[in-house]
N, C-alpha and C. Protein backbone atom coordinates (compact mmCIF):
# COMPACT_ATOMS: atom_id res chain seq x y z
N UNK A 1 -12.58 -20.28 6.19
CA UNK A 1 -12.22 -18.87 6.03
C UNK A 1 -13.32 -18.07 5.34
N UNK A 2 -14.19 -18.77 4.62
CA UNK A 2 -15.24 -18.07 3.88
C UNK A 2 -16.15 -17.27 4.81
N UNK A 3 -16.36 -17.77 6.02
CA UNK A 3 -17.27 -17.07 6.93
C UNK A 3 -16.73 -15.72 7.37
N UNK A 4 -15.41 -15.50 7.18
CA UNK A 4 -14.81 -14.23 7.57
C UNK A 4 -14.80 -13.21 6.43
N UNK A 5 -15.07 -13.66 5.22
CA UNK A 5 -15.03 -12.76 4.07
C UNK A 5 -16.24 -11.84 4.08
N UNK A 6 -15.98 -10.58 3.77
CA UNK A 6 -17.05 -9.59 3.75
C UNK A 6 -17.85 -9.72 2.45
N UNK A 7 -19.17 -9.79 2.58
CA UNK A 7 -20.00 -9.88 1.39
C UNK A 7 -20.13 -8.50 0.78
N UNK A 8 -19.73 -8.37 -0.46
CA UNK A 8 -19.74 -7.07 -1.12
C UNK A 8 -20.35 -7.20 -2.50
N UNK A 9 -20.69 -6.05 -3.08
CA UNK A 9 -21.24 -6.07 -4.42
C UNK A 9 -20.11 -5.94 -5.44
N UNK A 10 -20.48 -6.09 -6.69
CA UNK A 10 -19.50 -6.09 -7.77
C UNK A 10 -18.80 -4.74 -7.89
N UNK A 11 -19.53 -3.66 -7.66
CA UNK A 11 -18.94 -2.32 -7.77
C UNK A 11 -17.77 -2.16 -6.81
N UNK A 12 -17.96 -2.56 -5.58
CA UNK A 12 -16.88 -2.44 -4.59
C UNK A 12 -15.68 -3.30 -4.95
N UNK A 13 -15.94 -4.48 -5.48
CA UNK A 13 -14.85 -5.36 -5.88
C UNK A 13 -14.04 -4.73 -7.01
N UNK A 14 -14.73 -4.15 -7.99
CA UNK A 14 -14.05 -3.51 -9.12
C UNK A 14 -13.22 -2.33 -8.64
N UNK A 15 -13.80 -1.52 -7.75
CA UNK A 15 -13.09 -0.35 -7.22
C UNK A 15 -11.86 -0.80 -6.42
N UNK A 16 -12.00 -1.87 -5.65
CA UNK A 16 -10.87 -2.39 -4.88
C UNK A 16 -9.75 -2.86 -5.80
N UNK A 17 -10.10 -3.58 -6.86
CA UNK A 17 -9.08 -4.08 -7.80
C UNK A 17 -8.38 -2.90 -8.48
N UNK A 18 -9.15 -1.92 -8.93
CA UNK A 18 -8.56 -0.73 -9.56
C UNK A 18 -7.65 0.00 -8.58
N UNK A 19 -8.08 0.06 -7.33
CA UNK A 19 -7.25 0.70 -6.31
C UNK A 19 -5.90 0.02 -6.17
N UNK A 20 -5.88 -1.29 -6.17
CA UNK A 20 -4.62 -2.01 -6.07
C UNK A 20 -3.75 -1.85 -7.31
N UNK A 21 -4.41 -1.72 -8.47
CA UNK A 21 -3.65 -1.47 -9.69
C UNK A 21 -2.94 -0.12 -9.62
N UNK A 22 -3.68 0.92 -9.20
CA UNK A 22 -3.06 2.25 -9.08
C UNK A 22 -2.04 2.28 -7.95
N UNK A 23 -2.29 1.55 -6.87
CA UNK A 23 -1.32 1.50 -5.78
C UNK A 23 -0.03 0.85 -6.25
N UNK A 24 -0.14 -0.26 -6.97
CA UNK A 24 1.05 -0.90 -7.51
C UNK A 24 1.79 0.00 -8.48
N UNK A 25 1.02 0.74 -9.29
CA UNK A 25 1.62 1.69 -10.21
C UNK A 25 2.39 2.76 -9.44
N UNK A 26 1.78 3.26 -8.36
CA UNK A 26 2.44 4.28 -7.56
C UNK A 26 3.73 3.78 -6.93
N UNK A 27 3.71 2.56 -6.42
CA UNK A 27 4.91 1.96 -5.83
C UNK A 27 6.02 1.87 -6.87
N UNK A 28 5.65 1.49 -8.09
CA UNK A 28 6.65 1.37 -9.16
C UNK A 28 7.24 2.74 -9.51
N UNK A 29 6.42 3.79 -9.44
CA UNK A 29 6.90 5.14 -9.74
C UNK A 29 7.87 5.61 -8.67
N UNK A 30 7.55 5.31 -7.39
CA UNK A 30 8.47 5.65 -6.31
C UNK A 30 9.81 4.93 -6.50
N UNK A 31 9.75 3.67 -6.85
CA UNK A 31 10.98 2.92 -7.07
C UNK A 31 11.79 3.52 -8.22
N UNK A 32 11.09 3.95 -9.26
CA UNK A 32 11.76 4.55 -10.41
C UNK A 32 12.50 5.82 -10.02
N UNK A 33 11.96 6.56 -9.06
CA UNK A 33 12.57 7.84 -8.66
C UNK A 33 13.94 7.65 -8.02
N UNK A 34 14.15 6.50 -7.39
CA UNK A 34 15.42 6.26 -6.71
C UNK A 34 15.59 7.05 -5.43
N UNK A 35 14.49 7.65 -4.94
CA UNK A 35 14.56 8.48 -3.73
C UNK A 35 13.81 7.85 -2.56
N UNK A 36 13.52 6.57 -2.67
CA UNK A 36 12.86 5.89 -1.57
C UNK A 36 11.39 5.66 -1.82
N UNK A 37 10.87 4.62 -1.15
CA UNK A 37 9.47 4.25 -1.29
C UNK A 37 8.79 4.39 0.07
N UNK A 38 7.53 3.99 0.14
CA UNK A 38 6.87 3.97 1.45
C UNK A 38 7.62 2.97 2.34
N UNK A 39 7.58 3.13 3.66
CA UNK A 39 8.40 2.30 4.56
C UNK A 39 8.24 0.80 4.35
N UNK A 40 7.00 0.32 4.20
CA UNK A 40 6.79 -1.11 4.06
C UNK A 40 7.33 -1.64 2.74
N UNK A 41 6.97 -0.97 1.64
CA UNK A 41 7.47 -1.41 0.33
C UNK A 41 8.99 -1.32 0.26
N UNK A 42 9.54 -0.23 0.83
CA UNK A 42 10.99 -0.08 0.84
C UNK A 42 11.66 -1.20 1.62
N UNK A 43 11.09 -1.58 2.75
CA UNK A 43 11.64 -2.67 3.54
C UNK A 43 11.59 -3.98 2.76
N UNK A 44 10.46 -4.25 2.14
CA UNK A 44 10.31 -5.49 1.38
C UNK A 44 11.32 -5.54 0.23
N UNK A 45 11.49 -4.43 -0.48
CA UNK A 45 12.45 -4.39 -1.59
C UNK A 45 13.87 -4.61 -1.09
N UNK A 46 14.21 -3.99 0.04
CA UNK A 46 15.56 -4.13 0.59
C UNK A 46 15.82 -5.57 1.04
N UNK A 47 14.87 -6.16 1.73
CA UNK A 47 15.03 -7.54 2.21
C UNK A 47 15.05 -8.52 1.04
N UNK A 48 14.24 -8.24 0.01
CA UNK A 48 14.23 -9.10 -1.16
C UNK A 48 15.58 -9.06 -1.87
N UNK A 49 16.13 -7.86 -2.01
CA UNK A 49 17.44 -7.72 -2.66
C UNK A 49 18.53 -8.44 -1.88
N UNK A 50 18.51 -8.29 -0.56
CA UNK A 50 19.56 -8.89 0.26
C UNK A 50 19.43 -10.41 0.34
N UNK A 51 18.21 -10.92 0.17
CA UNK A 51 18.00 -12.37 0.24
C UNK A 51 18.09 -13.05 -1.11
N UNK A 52 18.06 -12.26 -2.18
CA UNK A 52 18.13 -12.83 -3.52
C UNK A 52 16.79 -13.36 -4.02
N UNK A 53 15.72 -13.04 -3.31
CA UNK A 53 14.38 -13.48 -3.72
C UNK A 53 13.70 -12.34 -4.48
N UNK A 54 12.99 -12.68 -5.54
CA UNK A 54 12.28 -11.69 -6.33
C UNK A 54 11.31 -10.93 -5.43
N UNK A 55 11.25 -9.61 -5.61
CA UNK A 55 10.43 -8.74 -4.76
C UNK A 55 9.01 -9.24 -4.61
N UNK A 56 8.34 -9.53 -5.72
CA UNK A 56 6.93 -9.93 -5.66
C UNK A 56 6.76 -11.22 -4.86
N UNK A 57 7.68 -12.16 -5.03
CA UNK A 57 7.60 -13.43 -4.29
C UNK A 57 7.89 -13.22 -2.81
N UNK A 58 8.86 -12.37 -2.50
CA UNK A 58 9.18 -12.09 -1.10
C UNK A 58 7.99 -11.42 -0.41
N UNK A 59 7.31 -10.53 -1.13
CA UNK A 59 6.15 -9.85 -0.56
C UNK A 59 5.06 -10.85 -0.19
N UNK A 60 4.85 -11.84 -1.04
CA UNK A 60 3.84 -12.86 -0.74
C UNK A 60 4.24 -13.65 0.51
N UNK A 61 5.50 -14.02 0.60
CA UNK A 61 5.98 -14.78 1.76
C UNK A 61 5.79 -13.98 3.05
N UNK A 62 6.15 -12.71 3.02
CA UNK A 62 5.98 -11.87 4.20
C UNK A 62 4.50 -11.68 4.54
N UNK A 63 3.68 -11.52 3.51
CA UNK A 63 2.25 -11.37 3.74
C UNK A 63 1.63 -12.62 4.36
N UNK A 64 2.18 -13.78 4.03
CA UNK A 64 1.69 -15.02 4.64
C UNK A 64 1.91 -14.99 6.15
N UNK A 65 3.07 -14.50 6.56
CA UNK A 65 3.38 -14.39 7.99
C UNK A 65 2.42 -13.39 8.65
N UNK A 66 2.26 -12.23 8.02
CA UNK A 66 1.38 -11.21 8.58
C UNK A 66 -0.08 -11.66 8.55
N UNK A 67 -0.42 -12.48 7.58
CA UNK A 67 -1.80 -12.97 7.47
C UNK A 67 -2.15 -13.87 8.65
N UNK A 68 -1.17 -14.62 9.15
CA UNK A 68 -1.40 -15.46 10.33
C UNK A 68 -1.80 -14.59 11.51
N UNK A 69 -1.09 -13.47 11.68
CA UNK A 69 -1.43 -12.52 12.75
C UNK A 69 -2.83 -11.96 12.54
N UNK A 70 -3.14 -11.64 11.28
CA UNK A 70 -4.45 -11.10 10.96
C UNK A 70 -5.56 -12.12 11.25
N UNK A 71 -5.29 -13.38 10.96
CA UNK A 71 -6.29 -14.42 11.21
C UNK A 71 -6.56 -14.59 12.70
N UNK A 72 -5.51 -14.44 13.51
CA UNK A 72 -5.65 -14.64 14.95
C UNK A 72 -6.34 -13.47 15.62
N UNK A 73 -5.93 -12.25 15.29
CA UNK A 73 -6.41 -11.08 16.02
C UNK A 73 -7.26 -10.10 15.20
N UNK A 74 -7.32 -10.32 13.88
CA UNK A 74 -8.07 -9.36 13.06
C UNK A 74 -8.90 -10.02 11.99
N UNK A 75 -9.62 -11.07 12.35
CA UNK A 75 -10.40 -11.82 11.35
C UNK A 75 -11.44 -10.96 10.64
N UNK A 76 -12.01 -10.02 11.37
CA UNK A 76 -13.05 -9.18 10.77
C UNK A 76 -12.50 -8.24 9.70
N UNK A 77 -11.17 -8.12 9.65
CA UNK A 77 -10.54 -7.25 8.67
C UNK A 77 -10.24 -7.97 7.36
N UNK A 78 -10.49 -9.27 7.34
CA UNK A 78 -10.17 -10.08 6.16
C UNK A 78 -11.30 -10.01 5.14
N UNK A 79 -10.94 -9.83 3.89
CA UNK A 79 -11.91 -9.80 2.81
C UNK A 79 -11.20 -10.03 1.48
N UNK A 80 -11.93 -9.87 0.40
CA UNK A 80 -11.35 -10.08 -0.93
C UNK A 80 -10.15 -9.18 -1.16
N UNK A 81 -10.23 -7.94 -0.66
CA UNK A 81 -9.13 -7.00 -0.83
C UNK A 81 -7.86 -7.45 -0.15
N UNK A 82 -7.99 -8.22 0.94
CA UNK A 82 -6.83 -8.75 1.64
C UNK A 82 -6.00 -9.62 0.71
N UNK A 83 -6.67 -10.51 -0.01
CA UNK A 83 -5.97 -11.47 -0.85
C UNK A 83 -5.45 -10.84 -2.14
N UNK A 84 -6.24 -9.93 -2.72
CA UNK A 84 -5.78 -9.25 -3.93
C UNK A 84 -4.51 -8.46 -3.63
N UNK A 85 -4.51 -7.72 -2.52
CA UNK A 85 -3.35 -6.92 -2.15
C UNK A 85 -2.16 -7.79 -1.82
N UNK A 86 -2.38 -8.83 -1.02
CA UNK A 86 -1.28 -9.68 -0.54
C UNK A 86 -0.62 -10.47 -1.66
N UNK A 87 -1.41 -10.92 -2.62
CA UNK A 87 -0.89 -11.82 -3.66
C UNK A 87 -0.43 -11.07 -4.90
N UNK A 88 -1.18 -10.06 -5.33
CA UNK A 88 -0.94 -9.48 -6.65
C UNK A 88 -0.21 -8.13 -6.64
N UNK A 89 -0.18 -7.43 -5.50
CA UNK A 89 0.39 -6.08 -5.51
C UNK A 89 1.84 -6.06 -5.98
N UNK A 90 2.64 -7.00 -5.52
CA UNK A 90 4.05 -7.03 -5.91
C UNK A 90 4.22 -7.23 -7.40
N UNK A 91 3.40 -8.08 -7.99
CA UNK A 91 3.50 -8.33 -9.42
C UNK A 91 3.01 -7.12 -10.22
N UNK A 92 2.00 -6.45 -9.71
CA UNK A 92 1.51 -5.23 -10.38
C UNK A 92 2.60 -4.17 -10.39
N UNK A 93 3.25 -3.97 -9.24
CA UNK A 93 4.32 -2.97 -9.14
C UNK A 93 5.48 -3.32 -10.07
N UNK A 94 5.86 -4.59 -10.11
CA UNK A 94 6.95 -5.03 -10.98
C UNK A 94 6.59 -4.83 -12.45
N UNK A 95 5.35 -5.15 -12.82
CA UNK A 95 4.88 -4.99 -14.19
C UNK A 95 5.03 -3.54 -14.65
N UNK A 96 4.54 -2.61 -13.84
CA UNK A 96 4.61 -1.21 -14.24
C UNK A 96 6.04 -0.69 -14.20
N UNK A 97 6.84 -1.13 -13.24
CA UNK A 97 8.23 -0.67 -13.17
C UNK A 97 8.99 -1.06 -14.44
N UNK A 98 8.77 -2.27 -14.92
CA UNK A 98 9.43 -2.71 -16.15
C UNK A 98 8.99 -1.87 -17.35
N UNK A 99 7.73 -1.46 -17.35
CA UNK A 99 7.23 -0.60 -18.43
C UNK A 99 7.93 0.74 -18.39
N UNK A 100 8.02 1.36 -17.21
CA UNK A 100 8.67 2.67 -17.09
C UNK A 100 10.13 2.59 -17.51
N UNK A 101 10.82 1.54 -17.10
CA UNK A 101 12.23 1.40 -17.44
C UNK A 101 12.41 1.27 -18.95
N UNK A 102 11.54 0.47 -19.58
CA UNK A 102 11.65 0.25 -21.02
C UNK A 102 11.30 1.50 -21.82
N UNK A 103 10.28 2.23 -21.37
CA UNK A 103 9.81 3.38 -22.13
C UNK A 103 10.56 4.67 -21.79
N UNK A 104 10.85 4.88 -20.51
CA UNK A 104 11.40 6.16 -20.07
C UNK A 104 12.82 6.07 -19.55
N UNK A 105 13.17 4.93 -18.98
CA UNK A 105 14.47 4.84 -18.32
C UNK A 105 14.42 5.55 -16.97
N UNK A 106 15.47 5.39 -16.17
CA UNK A 106 15.51 6.05 -14.87
C UNK A 106 15.77 7.54 -15.03
N UNK A 107 15.07 8.38 -14.27
CA UNK A 107 15.35 9.83 -14.32
C UNK A 107 16.77 10.10 -13.83
N UNK A 108 17.49 10.97 -14.51
CA UNK A 108 18.89 11.20 -14.20
C UNK A 108 19.11 12.45 -13.36
N UNK A 109 18.36 13.51 -13.63
CA UNK A 109 18.54 14.76 -12.91
C UNK A 109 17.69 14.77 -11.65
N UNK A 110 18.16 15.49 -10.63
CA UNK A 110 17.47 15.49 -9.34
C UNK A 110 16.04 16.02 -9.47
N UNK A 111 15.85 17.08 -10.24
CA UNK A 111 14.51 17.65 -10.38
C UNK A 111 13.57 16.65 -11.03
N UNK A 112 14.10 15.82 -11.94
CA UNK A 112 13.27 14.80 -12.56
C UNK A 112 12.85 13.75 -11.53
N UNK A 113 13.75 13.43 -10.62
CA UNK A 113 13.43 12.47 -9.57
C UNK A 113 12.38 13.03 -8.61
N UNK A 114 12.50 14.32 -8.31
CA UNK A 114 11.52 14.97 -7.43
C UNK A 114 10.14 14.98 -8.07
N UNK A 115 10.09 15.29 -9.36
CA UNK A 115 8.81 15.27 -10.08
C UNK A 115 8.24 13.85 -10.08
N UNK A 116 9.10 12.86 -10.25
CA UNK A 116 8.65 11.47 -10.23
C UNK A 116 8.05 11.11 -8.88
N UNK A 117 8.69 11.57 -7.80
CA UNK A 117 8.14 11.35 -6.46
C UNK A 117 6.76 11.98 -6.32
N UNK A 118 6.62 13.22 -6.81
CA UNK A 118 5.35 13.92 -6.72
C UNK A 118 4.24 13.15 -7.45
N UNK A 119 4.58 12.63 -8.63
CA UNK A 119 3.61 11.84 -9.38
C UNK A 119 3.26 10.58 -8.61
N UNK A 120 4.27 9.96 -8.00
CA UNK A 120 4.05 8.75 -7.20
C UNK A 120 3.11 9.00 -6.04
N UNK A 121 3.25 10.14 -5.38
CA UNK A 121 2.38 10.48 -4.25
C UNK A 121 0.92 10.55 -4.70
N UNK A 122 0.68 11.21 -5.81
CA UNK A 122 -0.69 11.37 -6.31
C UNK A 122 -1.28 10.02 -6.72
N UNK A 123 -0.51 9.23 -7.46
CA UNK A 123 -1.00 7.94 -7.94
C UNK A 123 -1.25 6.98 -6.78
N UNK A 124 -0.32 6.92 -5.84
CA UNK A 124 -0.49 6.07 -4.66
C UNK A 124 -1.71 6.49 -3.85
N UNK A 125 -1.87 7.79 -3.65
CA UNK A 125 -2.99 8.30 -2.87
C UNK A 125 -4.32 7.92 -3.51
N UNK A 126 -4.38 8.04 -4.82
CA UNK A 126 -5.60 7.68 -5.55
C UNK A 126 -5.90 6.19 -5.37
N UNK A 127 -4.85 5.37 -5.51
CA UNK A 127 -5.04 3.93 -5.36
C UNK A 127 -5.48 3.55 -3.96
N UNK A 128 -4.85 4.15 -2.95
CA UNK A 128 -5.21 3.84 -1.57
C UNK A 128 -6.63 4.28 -1.27
N UNK A 129 -7.03 5.43 -1.82
CA UNK A 129 -8.40 5.91 -1.62
C UNK A 129 -9.40 4.89 -2.16
N UNK A 130 -9.17 4.41 -3.37
CA UNK A 130 -10.07 3.42 -3.97
C UNK A 130 -10.08 2.13 -3.17
N UNK A 131 -8.88 1.66 -2.81
CA UNK A 131 -8.75 0.36 -2.13
C UNK A 131 -9.35 0.40 -0.72
N UNK A 132 -9.08 1.46 0.03
CA UNK A 132 -9.56 1.51 1.41
C UNK A 132 -11.05 1.84 1.49
N UNK A 133 -11.52 2.77 0.69
CA UNK A 133 -12.91 3.20 0.77
C UNK A 133 -13.86 2.13 0.27
N UNK A 134 -13.38 1.22 -0.56
CA UNK A 134 -14.23 0.12 -1.03
C UNK A 134 -14.63 -0.80 0.11
N UNK A 135 -13.82 -0.84 1.18
CA UNK A 135 -14.12 -1.60 2.40
C UNK A 135 -14.42 -3.07 2.13
N UNK A 136 -13.53 -3.71 1.41
CA UNK A 136 -13.70 -5.15 1.14
C UNK A 136 -12.48 -5.94 1.61
N UNK A 137 -11.93 -5.55 2.73
CA UNK A 137 -10.80 -6.28 3.28
C UNK A 137 -9.56 -5.43 3.36
N UNK A 138 -8.78 -5.66 4.41
CA UNK A 138 -7.58 -4.87 4.68
C UNK A 138 -6.34 -5.71 4.42
N UNK A 139 -5.33 -5.13 3.82
CA UNK A 139 -4.07 -5.82 3.56
C UNK A 139 -3.45 -6.27 4.88
N UNK A 140 -2.71 -7.39 4.89
CA UNK A 140 -2.11 -7.90 6.12
C UNK A 140 -1.28 -6.86 6.86
N UNK A 141 -0.45 -6.08 6.15
CA UNK A 141 0.37 -5.07 6.84
C UNK A 141 -0.50 -3.96 7.42
N UNK A 142 -1.47 -3.49 6.64
CA UNK A 142 -2.34 -2.41 7.11
C UNK A 142 -3.15 -2.84 8.33
N UNK A 143 -3.41 -4.15 8.45
CA UNK A 143 -4.20 -4.63 9.58
C UNK A 143 -3.44 -4.53 10.90
N UNK A 144 -2.11 -4.52 10.84
CA UNK A 144 -1.32 -4.51 12.07
C UNK A 144 -1.65 -3.33 12.97
N UNK A 145 -1.63 -2.12 12.40
CA UNK A 145 -1.90 -0.94 13.21
C UNK A 145 -3.34 -0.90 13.68
N UNK A 146 -4.27 -1.45 12.90
CA UNK A 146 -5.66 -1.52 13.31
C UNK A 146 -5.84 -2.50 14.48
N UNK A 147 -5.14 -3.62 14.39
CA UNK A 147 -5.18 -4.61 15.47
C UNK A 147 -4.57 -4.04 16.75
N UNK A 148 -3.44 -3.37 16.60
CA UNK A 148 -2.79 -2.76 17.76
C UNK A 148 -3.67 -1.71 18.40
N UNK A 149 -4.35 -0.93 17.56
CA UNK A 149 -5.24 0.11 18.08
C UNK A 149 -6.42 -0.50 18.85
N UNK A 150 -6.90 -1.64 18.38
CA UNK A 150 -8.02 -2.31 19.05
C UNK A 150 -7.58 -2.88 20.39
N UNK A 151 -6.37 -3.41 20.44
CA UNK A 151 -5.88 -4.02 21.68
C UNK A 151 -5.36 -2.98 22.67
N UNK A 152 -4.91 -1.85 22.14
CA UNK A 152 -4.42 -0.77 23.01
C UNK A 152 -5.11 0.54 22.61
N UNK A 153 -6.41 0.65 22.90
CA UNK A 153 -7.21 1.78 22.42
C UNK A 153 -6.82 3.13 23.03
N UNK A 154 -6.09 3.13 24.14
CA UNK A 154 -5.70 4.39 24.74
C UNK A 154 -4.65 5.12 23.90
N UNK A 155 -4.00 4.37 23.03
CA UNK A 155 -3.03 4.96 22.11
C UNK A 155 -3.73 5.13 20.76
N UNK A 156 -3.69 6.32 20.19
CA UNK A 156 -4.41 6.58 18.94
C UNK A 156 -3.84 5.78 17.79
N UNK A 157 -4.71 5.57 16.78
CA UNK A 157 -4.29 4.82 15.58
C UNK A 157 -3.07 5.45 14.93
N UNK A 158 -3.02 6.78 14.93
CA UNK A 158 -1.90 7.49 14.30
C UNK A 158 -0.56 6.99 14.82
N UNK A 159 -0.45 6.85 16.14
CA UNK A 159 0.82 6.44 16.72
C UNK A 159 1.12 4.97 16.47
N UNK A 160 0.09 4.14 16.40
CA UNK A 160 0.32 2.74 16.05
C UNK A 160 0.85 2.63 14.62
N UNK A 161 0.26 3.42 13.74
CA UNK A 161 0.70 3.40 12.34
C UNK A 161 2.12 3.96 12.21
N UNK A 162 2.39 5.02 12.95
CA UNK A 162 3.72 5.60 12.92
C UNK A 162 4.76 4.60 13.43
N UNK A 163 4.40 3.82 14.43
CA UNK A 163 5.31 2.82 14.99
C UNK A 163 5.64 1.75 13.95
N UNK A 164 4.61 1.20 13.29
CA UNK A 164 4.86 0.15 12.29
C UNK A 164 5.65 0.69 11.11
N UNK A 165 5.33 1.91 10.68
CA UNK A 165 6.06 2.52 9.56
C UNK A 165 7.51 2.81 9.94
N UNK A 166 7.71 3.32 11.16
CA UNK A 166 9.07 3.62 11.62
C UNK A 166 9.90 2.35 11.73
N UNK A 167 9.28 1.27 12.20
CA UNK A 167 9.99 -0.01 12.30
C UNK A 167 10.38 -0.52 10.92
N UNK A 168 9.47 -0.40 9.96
CA UNK A 168 9.77 -0.81 8.59
C UNK A 168 10.90 0.04 8.00
N UNK A 169 10.86 1.33 8.27
CA UNK A 169 11.91 2.23 7.76
C UNK A 169 13.26 1.86 8.34
N UNK A 170 13.28 1.51 9.63
CA UNK A 170 14.53 1.11 10.27
C UNK A 170 15.07 -0.17 9.65
N UNK A 171 14.21 -1.16 9.46
CA UNK A 171 14.64 -2.42 8.85
C UNK A 171 15.12 -2.17 7.43
N UNK A 172 14.42 -1.31 6.70
CA UNK A 172 14.81 -0.96 5.34
C UNK A 172 16.22 -0.38 5.33
N UNK A 173 16.48 0.55 6.23
CA UNK A 173 17.80 1.18 6.32
C UNK A 173 18.88 0.16 6.66
N UNK A 174 18.62 -0.69 7.65
CA UNK A 174 19.60 -1.68 8.08
C UNK A 174 19.87 -2.72 6.99
N UNK A 175 18.86 -2.95 6.13
CA UNK A 175 19.02 -3.93 5.05
C UNK A 175 19.63 -3.31 3.81
N UNK A 176 19.99 -2.03 3.90
CA UNK A 176 20.63 -1.37 2.77
C UNK A 176 19.68 -0.72 1.80
N UNK A 177 18.42 -0.55 2.21
CA UNK A 177 17.43 0.08 1.34
C UNK A 177 17.56 1.59 1.34
N UNK A 178 16.74 2.23 0.52
CA UNK A 178 16.79 3.69 0.37
C UNK A 178 15.74 4.35 1.26
N UNK A 179 16.20 5.24 2.12
CA UNK A 179 15.32 6.09 2.91
C UNK A 179 15.59 7.52 2.46
N UNK A 180 14.62 8.12 1.81
CA UNK A 180 14.86 9.45 1.25
C UNK A 180 13.60 10.26 1.11
N UNK A 181 13.60 11.14 0.13
CA UNK A 181 12.49 12.05 -0.10
C UNK A 181 11.19 11.29 -0.34
N UNK A 182 11.28 10.22 -1.10
CA UNK A 182 10.09 9.43 -1.38
C UNK A 182 9.48 8.85 -0.12
N UNK A 183 10.33 8.42 0.82
CA UNK A 183 9.85 7.88 2.09
C UNK A 183 9.13 8.96 2.89
N UNK A 184 9.75 10.13 2.98
CA UNK A 184 9.13 11.23 3.71
C UNK A 184 7.82 11.66 3.06
N UNK A 185 7.80 11.65 1.74
CA UNK A 185 6.60 12.07 1.02
C UNK A 185 5.43 11.13 1.32
N UNK A 186 5.71 9.83 1.43
CA UNK A 186 4.64 8.88 1.71
C UNK A 186 4.15 9.00 3.15
N UNK A 187 5.08 9.22 4.07
CA UNK A 187 4.72 9.30 5.49
C UNK A 187 3.88 10.54 5.78
N UNK A 188 4.28 11.67 5.20
CA UNK A 188 3.62 12.93 5.53
C UNK A 188 2.69 13.47 4.45
N UNK A 189 2.84 12.98 3.22
CA UNK A 189 2.07 13.56 2.13
C UNK A 189 0.86 12.76 1.68
N UNK A 190 0.85 11.46 1.94
CA UNK A 190 -0.25 10.64 1.45
C UNK A 190 -1.57 10.98 2.11
N UNK A 191 -1.56 11.15 3.43
CA UNK A 191 -2.80 11.36 4.18
C UNK A 191 -3.71 12.44 3.62
N UNK A 192 -3.22 13.67 3.48
CA UNK A 192 -4.08 14.75 2.97
C UNK A 192 -4.60 14.50 1.56
N UNK A 193 -3.75 13.90 0.71
CA UNK A 193 -4.18 13.68 -0.68
C UNK A 193 -5.18 12.53 -0.74
N UNK A 194 -4.98 11.50 0.08
CA UNK A 194 -5.97 10.41 0.16
C UNK A 194 -7.32 10.97 0.59
N UNK A 195 -7.29 11.84 1.60
CA UNK A 195 -8.52 12.47 2.07
C UNK A 195 -9.19 13.27 0.96
N UNK A 196 -8.40 13.95 0.16
CA UNK A 196 -8.93 14.73 -0.96
C UNK A 196 -9.66 13.82 -1.94
N UNK A 197 -9.02 12.70 -2.31
CA UNK A 197 -9.65 11.77 -3.25
C UNK A 197 -10.87 11.11 -2.62
N UNK A 198 -10.80 10.80 -1.31
CA UNK A 198 -11.95 10.20 -0.63
C UNK A 198 -13.18 11.09 -0.78
N UNK A 199 -13.01 12.36 -0.45
CA UNK A 199 -14.13 13.30 -0.41
C UNK A 199 -14.62 13.67 -1.80
N UNK A 200 -13.68 13.91 -2.70
CA UNK A 200 -14.03 14.48 -4.01
C UNK A 200 -14.23 13.45 -5.12
N UNK A 201 -13.87 12.20 -4.87
CA UNK A 201 -14.04 11.22 -5.95
C UNK A 201 -14.62 9.89 -5.46
N UNK A 202 -13.88 9.18 -4.60
CA UNK A 202 -14.25 7.80 -4.30
C UNK A 202 -15.61 7.68 -3.62
N UNK A 203 -15.83 8.47 -2.57
CA UNK A 203 -17.12 8.37 -1.87
C UNK A 203 -18.28 8.80 -2.76
N UNK A 204 -18.03 9.79 -3.60
CA UNK A 204 -19.08 10.21 -4.54
C UNK A 204 -19.36 9.11 -5.56
N UNK A 205 -18.30 8.42 -5.99
CA UNK A 205 -18.47 7.32 -6.94
C UNK A 205 -19.29 6.19 -6.32
N UNK A 206 -18.97 5.85 -5.08
CA UNK A 206 -19.69 4.79 -4.40
C UNK A 206 -21.15 5.18 -4.16
N UNK A 207 -21.37 6.44 -3.80
CA UNK A 207 -22.73 6.92 -3.57
C UNK A 207 -23.55 6.89 -4.87
N UNK A 208 -22.90 7.28 -5.96
CA UNK A 208 -23.57 7.30 -7.26
C UNK A 208 -23.96 5.90 -7.70
N UNK A 209 -23.08 4.93 -7.35
CA UNK A 209 -23.34 3.54 -7.73
C UNK A 209 -24.21 2.82 -6.70
N UNK A 210 -24.63 3.57 -5.67
CA UNK A 210 -25.48 2.97 -4.66
C UNK A 210 -24.77 1.96 -3.79
N UNK A 211 -23.43 2.23 -3.54
CA UNK A 211 -22.64 1.27 -2.79
C UNK A 211 -22.04 1.87 -1.55
N UNK A 212 -22.59 2.97 -1.08
CA UNK A 212 -22.05 3.60 0.11
C UNK A 212 -22.29 2.71 1.31
N UNK A 213 -21.23 2.53 2.10
CA UNK A 213 -21.35 1.66 3.28
C UNK A 213 -22.23 2.31 4.30
N UNK A 214 -22.94 1.50 5.04
CA UNK A 214 -23.79 2.02 6.06
C UNK A 214 -23.05 2.29 7.32
């Protein structure tokens, strides 16, 4: 498997790790809001609850299945970031969620939940910007839409991603998970904010550190 790993410098690895930390933090904030998470995280949480398996452990099990698909059809997408995201993201999200519960408790009023969602959007977007722009491997779930786009190039990436997200949202709903404002915010709100962080922070940071991809 080593031959498939992308050779990267230390700066990109650090940025990727920080990105996953902020992404896990954002997921925990969405969960705290009680108004729904991104489709994939929401599905994993719902399936974990219904199966009685701890969320972080269930996420690893599911990522193992998706990783097999990635190994078969998307080997070039595998890198250090693949493993950090697949193995540690669930534990990072759980760690921060426990902190929020202990320090703040769950927001009770609707406006507080909406503000929590807004904060989650910003934090998640920042994390995704760092993790994706570092270009050191794609998470197993994120690789699905990229693989589909490569195999069916006549259909744009946007629709492949929408299909996988919609399928996750459906499974989340059927498993008793929450589909709400937080879900809509991630589907429609993350893109523009990720782009903002890409242009105004992450790419400039990589350029400054001499790590801009060719």
